[in-house]
PDB file of N, CA and C in Angstrom:
ATOM      1  N   MET A   1       2.220  48.973  24.661  1.00  0.00           N
ATOM      2  CA  MET A   1       1.513  49.148  25.915  1.00  0.00           C
ATOM      3  C   MET A   1       2.539  49.220  27.038  1.00  0.00           C
ATOM      4  N   SER A   2       2.387  50.177  27.893  1.00  0.00           N
ATOM      5  CA  SER A   2       3.358  50.397  28.959  1.00  0.00           C
ATOM      6  C   SER A   2       2.672  50.340  30.315  1.00  0.00           C
ATOM      7  N   SER A   3       3.457  50.030  31.314  1.00  0.00           N
ATOM      8  CA  SER A   3       2.890  49.992  32.658  1.00  0.00           C
ATOM      9  C   SER A   3       3.609  51.005  33.539  1.00  0.00           C
ATOM     10  N   VAL A   4       3.068  51.200  34.718  1.00  0.00           N
ATOM     11  CA  VAL A   4       3.646  52.132  35.674  1.00  0.00           C
ATOM     12  C   VAL A   4       4.814  51.432  36.378  1.00  0.00           C
ATOM     13  N   ILE A   5       5.941  52.108  36.438  1.00  0.00           N
ATOM     14  CA  ILE A   5       7.148  51.569  37.067  1.00  0.00           C
ATOM     15  C   ILE A   5       7.250  52.134  38.479  1.00  0.00           C
ATOM     16  N   THR A   6       7.462  51.280  39.467  1.00  0.00           N
ATOM     17  CA  THR A   6       7.637  51.732  40.842  1.00  0.00           C
ATOM     18  C   THR A   6       9.119  52.067  41.060  1.00  0.00           C
ATOM     19  N   ILE A   7       9.373  53.276  41.565  1.00  0.00           N
ATOM     20  CA  ILE A   7      10.751  53.678  41.842  1.00  0.00           C
ATOM     21  C   ILE A   7      10.878  54.175  43.276  1.00  0.00           C
ATOM     22  N   VAL A   8      12.132  54.312  43.719  1.00  0.00           N
ATOM     23  CA  VAL A   8      12.462  54.855  45.042  1.00  0.00           C
ATOM     24  C   VAL A   8      13.433  56.019  44.846  1.00  0.00           C
ATOM     25  N   ASP A   9      13.740  56.717  45.932  1.00  0.00           N
ATOM     26  CA  ASP A   9      14.624  57.884  45.846  1.00  0.00           C
ATOM     27  C   ASP A   9      15.910  57.601  45.066  1.00  0.00           C
ATOM     28  N   SER A  10      16.528  56.461  45.313  1.00  0.00           N
ATOM     29  CA  SER A  10      17.812  56.164  44.664  1.00  0.00           C
ATOM     30  C   SER A  10      17.679  55.942  43.150  1.00  0.00           C
ATOM     31  N   ASP A  11      16.467  55.692  42.659  1.00  0.00           N
ATOM     32  CA  ASP A  11      16.231  55.506  41.228  1.00  0.00           C
ATOM     33  C   ASP A  11      15.897  56.813  40.508  1.00  0.00           C
ATOM     34  N   PHE A  12      15.584  57.852  41.259  1.00  0.00           N
ATOM     35  CA  PHE A  12      14.984  59.054  40.684  1.00  0.00           C
ATOM     36  C   PHE A  12      15.839  59.682  39.577  1.00  0.00           C
ATOM     37  N   GLU A  13      17.112  59.833  39.825  1.00  0.00           N
ATOM     38  CA  GLU A  13      17.974  60.479  38.831  1.00  0.00           C
ATOM     39  C   GLU A  13      17.987  59.691  37.522  1.00  0.00           C
ATOM     40  N   ALA A  14      18.233  58.393  37.614  1.00  0.00           N
ATOM     41  CA  ALA A  14      18.323  57.567  36.404  1.00  0.00           C
ATOM     42  C   ALA A  14      16.981  57.429  35.691  1.00  0.00           C
ATOM     43  N   GLU A  15      15.917  57.199  36.436  1.00  0.00           N
ATOM     44  CA  GLU A  15      14.611  56.920  35.837  1.00  0.00           C
ATOM     45  C   GLU A  15      13.847  58.172  35.389  1.00  0.00           C
ATOM     46  N   VAL A  16      14.116  59.303  36.054  1.00  0.00           N
ATOM     47  CA  VAL A  16      13.347  60.518  35.757  1.00  0.00           C
ATOM     48  C   VAL A  16      14.225  61.597  35.136  1.00  0.00           C
ATOM     49  N   LEU A  17      15.247  62.017  35.842  1.00  0.00           N
ATOM     50  CA  LEU A  17      16.038  63.158  35.389  1.00  0.00           C
ATOM     51  C   LEU A  17      16.876  62.857  34.150  1.00  0.00           C
ATOM     52  N   LYS A  18      17.315  61.624  33.981  1.00  0.00           N
ATOM     53  CA  LYS A  18      18.128  61.263  32.816  1.00  0.00           C
ATOM     54  C   LYS A  18      17.346  60.515  31.751  1.00  0.00           C
ATOM     55  N   ALA A  19      16.041  60.465  31.890  1.00  0.00           N
ATOM     56  CA  ALA A  19      15.197  59.762  30.915  1.00  0.00           C
ATOM     57  C   ALA A  19      15.241  60.483  29.567  1.00  0.00           C
ATOM     58  N   THR A  20      15.150  59.714  28.504  1.00  0.00           N
ATOM     59  CA  THR A  20      15.193  60.293  27.165  1.00  0.00           C
ATOM     60  C   THR A  20      13.819  60.748  26.684  1.00  0.00           C
ATOM     61  N   GLN A  21      12.772  60.373  27.402  1.00  0.00           N
ATOM     62  CA  GLN A  21      11.430  60.806  27.053  1.00  0.00           C
ATOM     63  C   GLN A  21      10.806  61.488  28.270  1.00  0.00           C
ATOM     64  N   PRO A  22       9.719  62.230  28.086  1.00  0.00           N
ATOM     65  CA  PRO A  22       9.058  62.844  29.238  1.00  0.00           C
ATOM     66  C   PRO A  22       8.651  61.781  30.267  1.00  0.00           C
ATOM     67  N   VAL A  23       8.615  62.191  31.536  1.00  0.00           N
ATOM     68  CA  VAL A  23       8.281  61.267  32.619  1.00  0.00           C
ATOM     69  C   VAL A  23       7.209  61.896  33.498  1.00  0.00           C
ATOM     70  N   LEU A  24       6.148  61.137  33.740  1.00  0.00           N
ATOM     71  CA  LEU A  24       5.115  61.532  34.692  1.00  0.00           C
ATOM     72  C   LEU A  24       5.373  60.767  35.981  1.00  0.00           C
ATOM     73  N   VAL A  25       5.601  61.515  37.071  1.00  0.00           N
ATOM     74  CA  VAL A  25       5.848  60.895  38.378  1.00  0.00           C
ATOM     75  C   VAL A  25       4.568  61.037  39.203  1.00  0.00           C
ATOM     76  N   TYR A  26       4.104  59.908  39.695  1.00  0.00           N
ATOM     77  CA  TYR A  26       2.886  59.854  40.503  1.00  0.00           C
ATOM     78  C   TYR A  26       3.297  59.591  41.948  1.00  0.00           C
ATOM     79  N   PHE A  27       3.082  60.577  42.816  1.00  0.00           N
ATOM     80  CA  PHE A  27       3.374  60.441  44.243  1.00  0.00           C
ATOM     81  C   PHE A  27       2.098  60.002  44.947  1.00  0.00           C
ATOM     82  N   TRP A  28       2.194  58.963  45.762  1.00  0.00           N
ATOM     83  CA  TRP A  28       1.018  58.373  46.397  1.00  0.00           C
ATOM     84  C   TRP A  28       1.379  57.831  47.783  1.00  0.00           C
ATOM     85  N   ALA A  29       0.358  57.392  48.514  1.00  0.00           N
ATOM     86  CA  ALA A  29       0.551  56.748  49.821  1.00  0.00           C
ATOM     87  C   ALA A  29      -0.564  55.727  50.032  1.00  0.00           C
ATOM     88  N   ASP A  30      -0.221  54.677  50.773  1.00  0.00           N
ATOM     89  CA  ASP A  30      -1.178  53.628  51.126  1.00  0.00           C
ATOM     90  C   ASP A  30      -2.405  54.180  51.854  1.00  0.00           C
ATOM     91  N   TRP A  31      -2.164  55.135  52.730  1.00  0.00           N
ATOM     92  CA  TRP A  31      -3.211  55.670  53.586  1.00  0.00           C
ATOM     93  C   TRP A  31      -4.050  56.755  52.908  1.00  0.00           C
ATOM     94  N   CYS A  32      -3.740  57.086  51.667  1.00  0.00           N
ATOM     95  CA  CYS A  32      -4.389  58.181  50.942  1.00  0.00           C
ATOM     96  C   CYS A  32      -5.602  57.671  50.173  1.00  0.00           C
ATOM     97  N   GLY A  33      -6.798  58.033  50.637  1.00  0.00           N
ATOM     98  CA  GLY A  33      -8.025  57.618  49.966  1.00  0.00           C
ATOM     99  C   GLY A  33      -8.107  58.084  48.516  1.00  0.00           C
ATOM    100  N   PRO A  34      -7.874  59.371  48.225  1.00  0.00           N
ATOM    101  CA  PRO A  34      -7.923  59.830  46.837  1.00  0.00           C
ATOM    102  C   PRO A  34      -6.909  59.116  45.930  1.00  0.00           C
ATOM    103  N   CYS A  35      -5.803  58.653  46.512  1.00  0.00           N
ATOM    104  CA  CYS A  35      -4.809  57.926  45.707  1.00  0.00           C
ATOM    105  C   CYS A  35      -5.402  56.626  45.168  1.00  0.00           C
ATOM    106  N   ARG A  36      -6.278  56.003  45.943  1.00  0.00           N
ATOM    107  CA  ARG A  36      -6.911  54.759  45.486  1.00  0.00           C
ATOM    108  C   ARG A  36      -7.775  55.008  44.246  1.00  0.00           C
ATOM    109  N   LEU A  37      -8.326  56.205  44.149  1.00  0.00           N
ATOM    110  CA  LEU A  37      -9.122  56.574  42.976  1.00  0.00           C
ATOM    111  C   LEU A  37      -8.230  56.971  41.802  1.00  0.00           C
ATOM    112  N   MET A  38      -7.089  57.562  42.102  1.00  0.00           N
ATOM    113  CA  MET A  38      -6.186  58.070  41.065  1.00  0.00           C
ATOM    114  C   MET A  38      -5.346  56.963  40.431  1.00  0.00           C
ATOM    115  N   THR A  39      -4.996  55.927  41.193  1.00  0.00           N
ATOM    116  CA  THR A  39      -4.103  54.878  40.692  1.00  0.00           C
ATOM    117  C   THR A  39      -4.583  54.262  39.374  1.00  0.00           C
ATOM    118  N   PRO A  40      -5.872  53.875  39.239  1.00  0.00           N
ATOM    119  CA  PRO A  40      -6.295  53.316  37.945  1.00  0.00           C
ATOM    120  C   PRO A  40      -6.216  54.324  36.797  1.00  0.00           C
ATOM    121  N   LEU A  41      -6.415  55.603  37.099  1.00  0.00           N
ATOM    122  CA  LEU A  41      -6.314  56.633  36.062  1.00  0.00           C
ATOM    123  C   LEU A  41      -4.876  56.748  35.563  1.00  0.00           C
ATOM    124  N   VAL A  42      -3.935  56.711  36.500  1.00  0.00           N
ATOM    125  CA  VAL A  42      -2.516  56.798  36.143  1.00  0.00           C
ATOM    126  C   VAL A  42      -2.108  55.570  35.323  1.00  0.00           C
ATOM    127  N   SER A  43      -2.603  54.396  35.698  1.00  0.00           N
ATOM    128  CA  SER A  43      -2.311  53.174  34.938  1.00  0.00           C
ATOM    129  C   SER A  43      -2.862  53.277  33.515  1.00  0.00           C
ATOM    130  N   SER A  44      -4.049  53.808  33.377  1.00  0.00           N
ATOM    131  CA  SER A  44      -4.658  53.988  32.064  1.00  0.00           C
ATOM    132  C   SER A  44      -3.849  54.952  31.204  1.00  0.00           C
ATOM    133  N   VAL A  45      -3.392  56.038  31.807  1.00  0.00           N
ATOM    134  CA  VAL A  45      -2.561  57.010  31.100  1.00  0.00           C
ATOM    135  C   VAL A  45      -1.251  56.355  30.639  1.00  0.00           C
ATOM    136  N   ALA A  46      -0.666  55.512  31.492  1.00  0.00           N
ATOM    137  CA  ALA A  46       0.572  54.817  31.128  1.00  0.00           C
ATOM    138  C   ALA A  46       0.359  53.936  29.901  1.00  0.00           C
ATOM    139  N   GLN A  47      -0.777  53.279  29.836  1.00  0.00           N
ATOM    140  CA  GLN A  47      -1.065  52.418  28.681  1.00  0.00           C
ATOM    141  C   GLN A  47      -1.329  53.239  27.424  1.00  0.00           C
ATOM    142  N   THR A  48      -2.055  54.332  27.584  1.00  0.00           N
ATOM    143  CA  THR A  48      -2.406  55.167  26.436  1.00  0.00           C
ATOM    144  C   THR A  48      -1.203  55.911  25.871  1.00  0.00           C
ATOM    145  N   TYR A  49      -0.352  56.438  26.749  1.00  0.00           N
ATOM    146  CA  TYR A  49       0.757  57.288  26.319  1.00  0.00           C
ATOM    147  C   TYR A  49       2.120  56.603  26.395  1.00  0.00           C
ATOM    148  N   GLY A  50       2.131  55.294  26.576  1.00  0.00           N
ATOM    149  CA  GLY A  50       3.379  54.562  26.761  1.00  0.00           C
ATOM    150  C   GLY A  50       4.417  54.742  25.671  1.00  0.00           C
ATOM    151  N   ASP A  51       3.968  55.084  24.470  1.00  0.00           N
ATOM    152  CA  ASP A  51       4.917  55.286  23.376  1.00  0.00           C
ATOM    153  C   ASP A  51       5.584  56.660  23.429  1.00  0.00           C
ATOM    154  N   ARG A  52       5.008  57.606  24.184  1.00  0.00           N
ATOM    155  CA  ARG A  52       5.552  58.973  24.239  1.00  0.00           C
ATOM    156  C   ARG A  52       5.946  59.427  25.643  1.00  0.00           C
ATOM    157  N   LEU A  53       5.664  58.589  26.638  1.00  0.00           N
ATOM    158  CA  LEU A  53       5.790  59.022  28.026  1.00  0.00           C
ATOM    159  C   LEU A  53       6.122  57.837  28.919  1.00  0.00           C
ATOM    160  N   LYS A  54       7.045  58.050  29.854  1.00  0.00           N
ATOM    161  CA  LYS A  54       7.309  57.052  30.891  1.00  0.00           C
ATOM    162  C   LYS A  54       6.503  57.467  32.122  1.00  0.00           C
ATOM    163  N   VAL A  55       5.850  56.508  32.760  1.00  0.00           N
ATOM    164  CA  VAL A  55       5.074  56.795  33.970  1.00  0.00           C
ATOM    165  C   VAL A  55       5.671  55.995  35.116  1.00  0.00           C
ATOM    166  N   VAL A  56       6.030  56.710  36.192  1.00  0.00           N
ATOM    167  CA  VAL A  56       6.589  56.066  37.382  1.00  0.00           C
ATOM    168  C   VAL A  56       5.775  56.487  38.595  1.00  0.00           C
ATOM    169  N   LYS A  57       5.810  55.651  39.636  1.00  0.00           N
ATOM    170  CA  LYS A  57       5.126  56.026  40.880  1.00  0.00           C
ATOM    171  C   LYS A  57       6.076  55.873  42.046  1.00  0.00           C
ATOM    172  N   MET A  58       5.897  56.755  43.014  1.00  0.00           N
ATOM    173  CA  MET A  58       6.713  56.754  44.224  1.00  0.00           C
ATOM    174  C   MET A  58       5.815  56.859  45.434  1.00  0.00           C
ATOM    175  N   GLU A  59       5.992  55.943  46.365  1.00  0.00           N
ATOM    176  CA  GLU A  59       5.275  56.041  47.629  1.00  0.00           C
ATOM    177  C   GLU A  59       5.986  57.108  48.466  1.00  0.00           C
ATOM    178  N   VAL A  60       5.240  58.054  49.013  1.00  0.00           N
ATOM    179  CA  VAL A  60       5.868  59.213  49.648  1.00  0.00           C
ATOM    180  C   VAL A  60       6.586  58.901  50.959  1.00  0.00           C
ATOM    181  N   ASP A  61       6.016  58.072  51.815  1.00  0.00           N
ATOM    182  CA  ASP A  61       6.600  57.861  53.139  1.00  0.00           C
ATOM    183  C   ASP A  61       8.022  57.306  53.106  1.00  0.00           C
ATOM    184  N   PRO A  62       8.345  56.296  52.289  1.00  0.00           N
ATOM    185  CA  PRO A  62       9.713  55.785  52.276  1.00  0.00           C
ATOM    186  C   PRO A  62      10.665  56.556  51.351  1.00  0.00           C
ATOM    187  N   ASN A  63      10.187  57.616  50.708  1.00  0.00           N
ATOM    188  CA  ASN A  63      11.005  58.357  49.743  1.00  0.00           C
ATOM    189  C   ASN A  63      10.986  59.857  50.008  1.00  0.00           C
ATOM    190  N   PRO A  64      11.521  60.281  51.161  1.00  0.00           N
ATOM    191  CA  PRO A  64      11.419  61.688  51.544  1.00  0.00           C
ATOM    192  C   PRO A  64      12.260  62.644  50.700  1.00  0.00           C
ATOM    193  N   ILE A  65      13.283  62.156  50.035  1.00  0.00           N
ATOM    194  CA  ILE A  65      14.162  63.058  49.282  1.00  0.00           C
ATOM    195  C   ILE A  65      13.428  63.662  48.088  1.00  0.00           C
ATOM    196  N   ALA A  66      12.834  62.819  47.257  1.00  0.00           N
ATOM    197  CA  ALA A  66      12.096  63.328  46.093  1.00  0.00           C
ATOM    198  C   ALA A  66      10.897  64.165  46.537  1.00  0.00           C
ATOM    199  N   VAL A  67      10.233  63.723  47.594  1.00  0.00           N
ATOM    200  CA  VAL A  67       9.077  64.474  48.116  1.00  0.00           C
ATOM    201  C   VAL A  67       9.497  65.894  48.488  1.00  0.00           C
ATOM    202  N   LYS A  68      10.635  66.014  49.165  1.00  0.00           N
ATOM    203  CA  LYS A  68      11.132  67.330  49.577  1.00  0.00           C
ATOM    204  C   LYS A  68      11.624  68.129  48.369  1.00  0.00           C
ATOM    205  N   ASN A  69      12.415  67.498  47.511  1.00  0.00           N
ATOM    206  CA  ASN A  69      13.001  68.199  46.364  1.00  0.00           C
ATOM    207  C   ASN A  69      11.953  68.756  45.408  1.00  0.00           C
ATOM    208  N   TYR A  70      10.815  68.089  45.302  1.00  0.00           N
ATOM    209  CA  TYR A  70       9.794  68.516  44.354  1.00  0.00           C
ATOM    210  C   TYR A  70       8.526  69.011  45.037  1.00  0.00           C
ATOM    211  N   ASN A  71       8.681  69.407  46.310  1.00  0.00           N
ATOM    212  CA  ASN A  71       7.621  70.087  47.073  1.00  0.00           C
ATOM    213  C   ASN A  71       6.265  69.393  46.991  1.00  0.00           C
ATOM    214  N   VAL A  72       6.270  68.096  47.219  1.00  0.00           N
ATOM    215  CA  VAL A  72       5.011  67.351  47.222  1.00  0.00           C
ATOM    216  C   VAL A  72       4.349  67.589  48.568  1.00  0.00           C
ATOM    217  N   GLU A  73       3.286  68.375  48.554  1.00  0.00           N
ATOM    218  CA  GLU A  73       2.597  68.729  49.797  1.00  0.00           C
ATOM    219  C   GLU A  73       1.205  68.135  49.877  1.00  0.00           C
ATOM    220  N   GLY A  74       0.645  67.750  48.739  1.00  0.00           N
ATOM    221  CA  GLY A  74      -0.688  67.162  48.708  1.00  0.00           C
ATOM    222  C   GLY A  74      -0.674  65.882  47.902  1.00  0.00           C
ATOM    223  N   LEU A  75      -1.536  64.960  48.296  1.00  0.00           N
ATOM    224  CA  LEU A  75      -1.615  63.687  47.583  1.00  0.00           C
ATOM    225  C   LEU A  75      -3.026  63.495  47.038  1.00  0.00           C
ATOM    226  N   PRO A  76      -3.133  62.799  45.930  1.00  0.00           N
ATOM    227  CA  PRO A  76      -2.051  62.359  45.068  1.00  0.00           C
ATOM    228  C   PRO A  76      -1.351  63.548  44.410  1.00  0.00           C
ATOM    229  N   GLY A  77      -0.105  63.323  44.044  1.00  0.00           N
ATOM    230  CA  GLY A  77       0.676  64.376  43.404  1.00  0.00           C
ATOM    231  C   GLY A  77       1.235  63.879  42.081  1.00  0.00           C
ATOM    232  N   LEU A  78       1.176  64.730  41.084  1.00  0.00           N
ATOM    233  CA  LEU A  78       1.752  64.414  39.778  1.00  0.00           C
ATOM    234  C   LEU A  78       2.799  65.463  39.438  1.00  0.00           C
ATOM    235  N   ARG A  79       3.922  65.003  38.908  1.00  0.00           N
ATOM    236  CA  ARG A  79       4.975  65.890  38.433  1.00  0.00           C
ATOM    237  C   ARG A  79       5.367  65.411  37.043  1.00  0.00           C
ATOM    238  N   LEU A  80       5.397  66.331  36.092  1.00  0.00           N
ATOM    239  CA  LEU A  80       5.790  65.991  34.732  1.00  0.00           C
ATOM    240  C   LEU A  80       7.166  66.583  34.463  1.00  0.00           C
ATOM    241  N   PHE A  81       8.074  65.724  34.014  1.00  0.00           N
ATOM    242  CA  PHE A  81       9.449  66.125  33.718  1.00  0.00           C
ATOM    243  C   PHE A  81       9.719  65.932  32.232  1.00  0.00           C
ATOM    244  N   LYS A  82      10.493  66.855  31.679  1.00  0.00           N
ATOM    245  CA  LYS A  82      10.920  66.751  30.287  1.00  0.00           C
ATOM    246  C   LYS A  82      12.376  67.195  30.237  1.00  0.00           C
ATOM    247  N   THR A  83      13.216  66.379  29.641  1.00  0.00           N
ATOM    248  CA  THR A  83      14.668  66.614  29.588  1.00  0.00           C
ATOM    249  C   THR A  83      15.236  66.963  30.969  1.00  0.00           C
ATOM    250  N   GLY A  84      14.777  66.249  31.985  1.00  0.00           N
ATOM    251  CA  GLY A  84      15.300  66.414  33.333  1.00  0.00           C
ATOM    252  C   GLY A  84      14.781  67.607  34.108  1.00  0.00           C
ATOM    253  N   LYS A  85      13.852  68.356  33.512  1.00  0.00           N
ATOM    254  CA  LYS A  85      13.324  69.551  34.182  1.00  0.00           C
ATOM    255  C   LYS A  85      11.843  69.369  34.500  1.00  0.00           C
ATOM    256  N   LEU A  86      11.463  69.849  35.669  1.00  0.00           N
ATOM    257  CA  LEU A  86      10.065  69.832  36.076  1.00  0.00           C
ATOM    258  C   LEU A  86       9.307  70.864  35.252  1.00  0.00           C
ATOM    259  N   ILE A  87       8.268  70.417  34.537  1.00  0.00           N
ATOM    260  CA  ILE A  87       7.522  71.350  33.688  1.00  0.00           C
ATOM    261  C   ILE A  87       6.055  71.505  34.100  1.00  0.00           C
ATOM    262  N   GLU A  88       5.568  70.611  34.972  1.00  0.00           N
ATOM    263  CA  GLU A  88       4.170  70.716  35.413  1.00  0.00           C
ATOM    264  C   GLU A  88       4.008  70.025  36.760  1.00  0.00           C
ATOM    265  N   SER A  89       3.217  70.628  37.635  1.00  0.00           N
ATOM    266  CA  SER A  89       2.907  70.047  38.942  1.00  0.00           C
ATOM    267  C   SER A  89       1.407  70.117  39.180  1.00  0.00           C
ATOM    268  N   VAL A  90       0.836  69.008  39.644  1.00  0.00           N
ATOM    269  CA  VAL A  90      -0.587  68.962  39.978  1.00  0.00           C
ATOM    270  C   VAL A  90      -0.715  68.187  41.277  1.00  0.00           C
ATOM    271  N   GLU A  91      -1.517  68.691  42.193  1.00  0.00           N
ATOM    272  CA  GLU A  91      -1.761  67.972  43.447  1.00  0.00           C
ATOM    273  C   GLU A  91      -3.247  67.842  43.680  1.00  0.00           C
ATOM    274  N   GLY A  92      -3.608  66.735  44.314  1.00  0.00           N
ATOM    275  CA  GLY A  92      -5.007  66.462  44.604  1.00  0.00           C
ATOM    276  C   GLY A  92      -5.625  65.594  43.526  1.00  0.00           C
ATOM    277  N   LEU A  93      -6.791  65.083  43.818  1.00  0.00           N
ATOM    278  CA  LEU A  93      -7.504  64.209  42.898  1.00  0.00           C
ATOM    279  C   LEU A  93      -8.011  65.013  41.711  1.00  0.00           C
ATOM    280  N   ILE A  94      -7.660  64.581  40.502  1.00  0.00           N
ATOM    281  CA  ILE A  94      -8.145  65.237  39.295  1.00  0.00           C
ATOM    282  C   ILE A  94      -8.734  64.172  38.368  1.00  0.00           C
ATOM    283  N   THR A  95      -9.465  64.618  37.389  1.00  0.00           N
ATOM    284  CA  THR A  95     -10.096  63.686  36.457  1.00  0.00           C
ATOM    285  C   THR A  95      -9.092  63.173  35.434  1.00  0.00           C
ATOM    286  N   LYS A  96      -9.444  62.067  34.821  1.00  0.00           N
ATOM    287  CA  LYS A  96      -8.604  61.524  33.752  1.00  0.00           C
ATOM    288  C   LYS A  96      -8.481  62.543  32.621  1.00  0.00           C
ATOM    289  N   GLN A  97      -9.567  63.247  32.320  1.00  0.00           N
ATOM    290  CA  GLN A  97      -9.525  64.243  31.249  1.00  0.00           C
ATOM    291  C   GLN A  97      -8.539  65.366  31.568  1.00  0.00           C
ATOM    292  N   LYS A  98      -8.477  65.780  32.823  1.00  0.00           N
ATOM    293  CA  LYS A  98      -7.524  66.825  33.227  1.00  0.00           C
ATOM    294  C   LYS A  98      -6.090  66.325  33.044  1.00  0.00           C
ATOM    295  N   ILE A  99      -5.834  65.056  33.384  1.00  0.00           N
ATOM    296  CA  ILE A  99      -4.498  64.493  33.172  1.00  0.00           C
ATOM    297  C   ILE A  99      -4.177  64.496  31.679  1.00  0.00           C
ATOM    298  N   ILE A 100      -5.125  64.052  30.867  1.00  0.00           N
ATOM    299  CA  ILE A 100      -4.925  64.002  29.418  1.00  0.00           C
ATOM    300  C   ILE A 100      -4.683  65.398  28.859  1.00  0.00           C
ATOM    301  N   ASP A 101      -5.480  66.371  29.271  1.00  0.00           N
ATOM    302  CA  ASP A 101      -5.307  67.747  28.804  1.00  0.00           C
ATOM    303  C   ASP A 101      -3.923  68.273  29.157  1.00  0.00           C
ATOM    304  N   THR A 102      -3.470  67.998  30.371  1.00  0.00           N
ATOM    305  CA  THR A 102      -2.147  68.442  30.817  1.00  0.00           C
ATOM    306  C   THR A 102      -1.057  67.793  29.975  1.00  0.00           C
ATOM    307  N   LEU A 103      -1.163  66.486  29.767  1.00  0.00           N
ATOM    308  CA  LEU A 103      -0.157  65.778  28.974  1.00  0.00           C
ATOM    309  C   LEU A 103      -0.158  66.250  27.530  1.00  0.00           C
ATOM    310  N   GLU A 104      -1.337  66.382  26.948  1.00  0.00           N
ATOM    311  CA  GLU A 104      -1.418  66.816  25.546  1.00  0.00           C
ATOM    312  C   GLU A 104      -0.779  68.183  25.347  1.00  0.00           C
ATOM    313  N   ALA A 105      -0.964  69.071  26.305  1.00  0.00           N
ATOM    314  CA  ALA A 105      -0.382  70.409  26.201  1.00  0.00           C
ATOM    315  C   ALA A 105       1.146  70.358  26.122  1.00  0.00           C
ATOM    316  N   HIS A 106       1.744  69.370  26.789  1.00  0.00           N
ATOM    317  CA  HIS A 106       3.205  69.283  26.814  1.00  0.00           C
ATOM    318  C   HIS A 106       3.778  68.280  25.826  1.00  0.00           C
ATOM    319  N   LEU A 107       3.019  67.264  25.462  1.00  0.00           N
ATOM    320  CA  LEU A 107       3.551  66.221  24.584  1.00  0.00           C
ATOM    321  C   LEU A 107       3.296  66.512  23.103  1.00  0.00           C
ATOM    322  N   SER A 108       2.343  67.359  22.817  1.00  0.00           N
ATOM    323  CA  SER A 108       1.979  67.611  21.411  1.00  0.00           C
ATOM    324  C   SER A 108       3.089  68.310  20.644  1.00  0.00           C
ATOM    325  N   ASN A 109       3.984  68.993  21.338  1.00  0.00           N
ATOM    326  CA  ASN A 109       5.028  69.748  20.648  1.00  0.00           C
ATOM    327  C   ASN A 109       6.369  69.026  20.632  1.00  0.00           C
ATOM    328  N   GLN A 110       6.358  67.706  20.798  1.00  0.00           N
ATOM    329  CA  GLN A 110       7.657  67.026  20.737  1.00  0.00           C
ATOM    330  C   GLN A 110       7.866  66.315  19.431  1.00  0.00           C
TER     331      GLN A 110
END
């Protein structure tokens, strides 16, 4: 069982780009209403896929570098990385099933 790891800009390279397994990055903000709905879904995904996927979250306001580098324009934002490369981007509130479908499409072939 895995949990969501909170990271900041200075952790991004080590925790995401150099990770040995795929990483789902969840961009969120305190003031974001849809993020409050998405947070439990992301936590559930971390528990379900913890053996195949690392899940991290970044608050957007104090971490402008990653936000800019990965073009996070809408919240909540999800970015999926594999071997240090961005392979999927999703913005806005989505269902748990949509998250699962997205992950399955990329994790099933590893």
